[in-house]
Amino acid sequence: MTAPDPVLGVEAATAPDGTLHVTLAGDLAWGDADELLDAVRARLAPRSAPAGLRVDCAGLTLCDSTGLSALLALHRLAEAAGVPLRLDRRPPFLDRLLLLTGTYEHLTGLPETAETDGDPQSGAAEGPRPAGS
């Protein structure tokens, strides 16, 4: 008997500064990826759009191709609403997926060879490594 996949938990709350904070926990995968988009879509209406969108990825345990697709769709929704998106506290496996798929710079706004400064809000504690390292 195998254990069930961790269900994706999505919590969204708007901070006093107007930034929408979304916290993810579990697997951002085929069965639950739409939950992320559903939690954010209504909050990105043009006349009530937040000042920013910050997604805390520290609780992610997996991100498959459908999860990556959801992150790309989230980026498109945020961009269309004029809302800056940040993927905070990315686990190393997520940075690796973004690097392997060529979406790192697109989703983080950082060059692929960038090193983070240890700021827990800027991504993994140690930034991604350049290809071939």
Protein backbone atom coordinates (compact mmCIF):
# COMPACT_ATOMS: atom_id res chain seq x y z
CA MET A 1 0.00 0.00 0.00
CA THR A 2 1.39 3.39 -0.94
CA ALA A 3 0.82 6.60 0.94
CA PRO A 4 -1.38 9.17 -0.80
CA ASP A 5 0.32 12.16 -2.35
CA PRO A 6 0.41 15.20 -0.08
CA VAL A 7 -2.57 17.37 -0.93
CA LEU A 8 -1.73 20.92 -1.88
CA GLY A 9 -2.54 23.45 0.79
CA VAL A 10 -3.03 27.03 -0.39
CA GLU A 11 -3.54 29.91 2.01
CA ALA A 12 -3.98 33.44 0.73
CA ALA A 13 -4.20 36.65 2.74
CA THR A 14 -3.75 40.31 1.97
CA ALA A 15 -1.30 42.17 4.20
CA PRO A 16 -1.92 45.72 5.43
CA ASP A 17 0.47 47.01 2.75
CA GLY A 18 -1.83 45.58 0.06
CA THR A 19 0.44 42.67 -0.88
CA LEU A 20 -1.27 39.33 -1.43
CA HIS A 21 0.67 36.58 0.36
CA VAL A 22 0.07 33.01 -0.77
CA THR A 23 1.55 30.10 1.16
CA LEU A 24 1.88 26.71 -0.53
CA ALA A 25 2.32 23.37 1.24
CA GLY A 26 2.42 19.87 -0.24
CA ASP A 27 2.58 18.84 -3.89
CA LEU A 28 1.97 21.38 -6.64
CA ALA A 29 0.98 18.65 -9.06
CA TRP A 30 -1.58 17.44 -11.57
CA GLY A 31 -4.50 16.91 -9.21
CA ASP A 32 -4.28 20.16 -7.25
CA ALA A 33 -2.50 22.80 -9.36
CA ASP A 34 -5.76 24.57 -10.24
CA GLU A 35 -6.29 25.26 -6.55
CA LEU A 36 -3.43 27.77 -6.66
CA LEU A 37 -4.92 29.62 -9.61
CA ASP A 38 -8.41 29.55 -8.11
CA ALA A 39 -7.12 31.07 -4.86
CA VAL A 40 -5.48 33.97 -6.67
CA ARG A 41 -7.52 34.63 -9.82
CA ALA A 42 -10.43 36.46 -8.15
CA ARG A 43 -8.01 38.61 -6.14
CA LEU A 44 -6.31 39.91 -9.28
CA ALA A 45 -9.32 41.83 -10.60
CA PRO A 46 -8.03 45.07 -12.16
CA ARG A 47 -9.88 47.49 -9.88
CA SER A 48 -8.97 45.64 -6.67
CA ALA A 49 -5.60 44.14 -7.61
CA PRO A 50 -3.06 43.82 -4.79
CA ALA A 51 0.13 45.89 -4.67
CA GLY A 52 2.15 42.71 -5.13
CA LEU A 53 1.88 38.93 -5.11
CA ARG A 54 4.29 36.93 -2.98
CA VAL A 55 4.15 33.15 -3.08
CA ASP A 56 5.89 31.35 -0.22
CA CYS A 57 7.12 28.06 -1.70
CA ALA A 58 8.97 26.75 1.39
CA GLY A 59 6.29 24.14 2.12
CA LEU A 60 6.30 22.62 -1.35
CA THR A 61 7.27 18.96 -1.44
CA LEU A 62 7.00 18.50 -5.21
CA CYS A 63 6.31 20.46 -8.37
CA ASP A 64 5.54 18.50 -11.54
CA SER A 65 4.97 19.79 -15.09
CA THR A 66 1.37 20.72 -14.26
CA GLY A 67 2.60 22.63 -11.21
CA LEU A 68 5.11 24.47 -13.37
CA SER A 69 2.33 25.25 -15.82
CA ALA A 70 0.29 26.68 -12.92
CA LEU A 71 3.21 28.91 -11.89
CA LEU A 72 3.54 30.14 -15.48
CA ALA A 73 -0.22 30.81 -15.63
CA LEU A 74 0.02 32.64 -12.30
CA HIS A 75 2.79 34.79 -13.76
CA ARG A 76 0.59 35.62 -16.77
CA LEU A 77 -2.37 36.52 -14.53
CA ALA A 78 -0.21 38.74 -12.33
CA GLU A 79 1.41 40.42 -15.32
CA ALA A 80 -1.98 41.09 -16.93
CA ALA A 81 -3.15 42.73 -13.69
CA GLY A 82 0.06 44.78 -13.40
CA VAL A 83 1.00 43.00 -10.17
CA PRO A 84 4.64 42.05 -9.50
CA LEU A 85 5.08 38.37 -8.61
CA ARG A 86 7.75 36.94 -6.32
CA LEU A 87 8.34 33.29 -5.59
CA ASP A 88 9.81 33.37 -2.09
CA ARG A 89 11.71 30.68 -0.20
CA ARG A 90 11.94 28.34 -3.18
CA PRO A 91 13.17 24.86 -2.25
CA PRO A 92 16.26 23.71 -4.17
CA PHE A 93 14.22 21.21 -6.23
CA LEU A 94 12.03 24.07 -7.51
CA ASP A 95 15.02 26.17 -8.52
CA ARG A 96 16.44 23.11 -10.29
CA LEU A 97 13.16 22.56 -12.17
CA LEU A 98 13.04 26.21 -13.20
CA LEU A 99 16.66 26.08 -14.37
CA LEU A 100 16.19 22.82 -16.30
CA THR A 101 13.09 24.11 -18.06
CA GLY A 102 14.52 27.53 -18.89
CA THR A 103 11.86 29.30 -16.83
CA TYR A 104 14.04 30.45 -13.91
CA GLU A 105 14.67 33.99 -15.12
CA HIS A 106 11.09 34.36 -16.38
CA LEU A 107 9.51 33.39 -13.05
CA THR A 108 12.06 34.89 -10.65
CA GLY A 109 13.30 37.93 -12.55
CA LEU A 110 16.85 36.85 -11.70
CA PRO A 111 19.51 35.74 -14.19
CA GLU A 112 20.20 32.01 -14.10
CA THR A 113 23.69 32.58 -12.74
CA ALA A 114 22.53 34.86 -9.92
CA GLU A 115 23.48 33.99 -6.38
CA THR A 116 21.04 34.95 -3.67
CA ASP A 117 22.37 36.99 -0.81
CA GLY A 118 21.09 34.60 1.85
CA ASP A 119 17.87 36.59 2.18
CA PRO A 120 15.18 33.96 2.91
CA GLN A 121 12.69 36.01 0.89
CA SER A 122 14.79 35.87 -2.28
CA GLY A 123 14.65 32.14 -2.91
CA ALA A 124 16.79 29.23 -1.85
CA ALA A 125 19.41 29.96 0.80
CA GLU A 126 22.07 29.16 -1.76
CA GLY A 127 21.19 30.44 -5.21
CA PRO A 128 21.13 28.33 -8.32
CA ARG A 129 24.40 27.18 -9.79
CA PRO A 130 25.38 28.02 -13.35
CA ALA A 131 25.09 25.21 -15.87
CA GLY A 132 28.05 22.85 -15.72
CA SER A 133 28.95 23.61 -12.08
